[in-house]
Amino acid sequence: MLRGWYGLYLGDKVIFNSVGTKVEGVVVRLSLSNKNKCWILDDNGKSHEAACEWCKRIPPEDSLFIFRPVSGVMYTVLYYEEGNCVKVNTYTGDEVTEKIMRVIKYLGQDISKIDIYVRDTSSNENSLYQSLDQSDFIQFTDSQ
């Protein structure tokens, strides 16, 4: 993974399994100095240091998205419309799911692709997190 942390992002639900240690939780912190180090918060609220290479991401069930938005993290969303037009919006983790689903519901038939970027905490740059083609979200559109 070019971005480091073995492709993990803040908010990913993971299972860390290494030499007698198995922890399930959410990635809440990524190390800036060591791109193989993260901290996982388990269901009991306890923080665990983990090696990213030993973490397996657990995708959300019954969701269009492969990520779990994190409060306080910024997401940049590009909507590619017919006619080579791109609209760019930035949302917080608290609102990104609702806002994207609203756009898909009402304008999904006019959108050919959606790219979702997450703010990389170490470089303050955006990294592509998920790309959706129209075939991935067309069933969520409002066919009025």
Foldseek 3Di string as FASTA:
>chain_A
DVVALLLDDFQFWKWQDDDPDTATFTFHAADLVHSQWTWGQGPVRDIDIGGSVRIDTDADPPDLDRGQFDAPWKKKKWFQFPPRDIDIDIDHSVCPRVVVLVCCAEPLVGTAKMWMWTQDVNPRDTDTNDIDGSVSRVVSYHPD
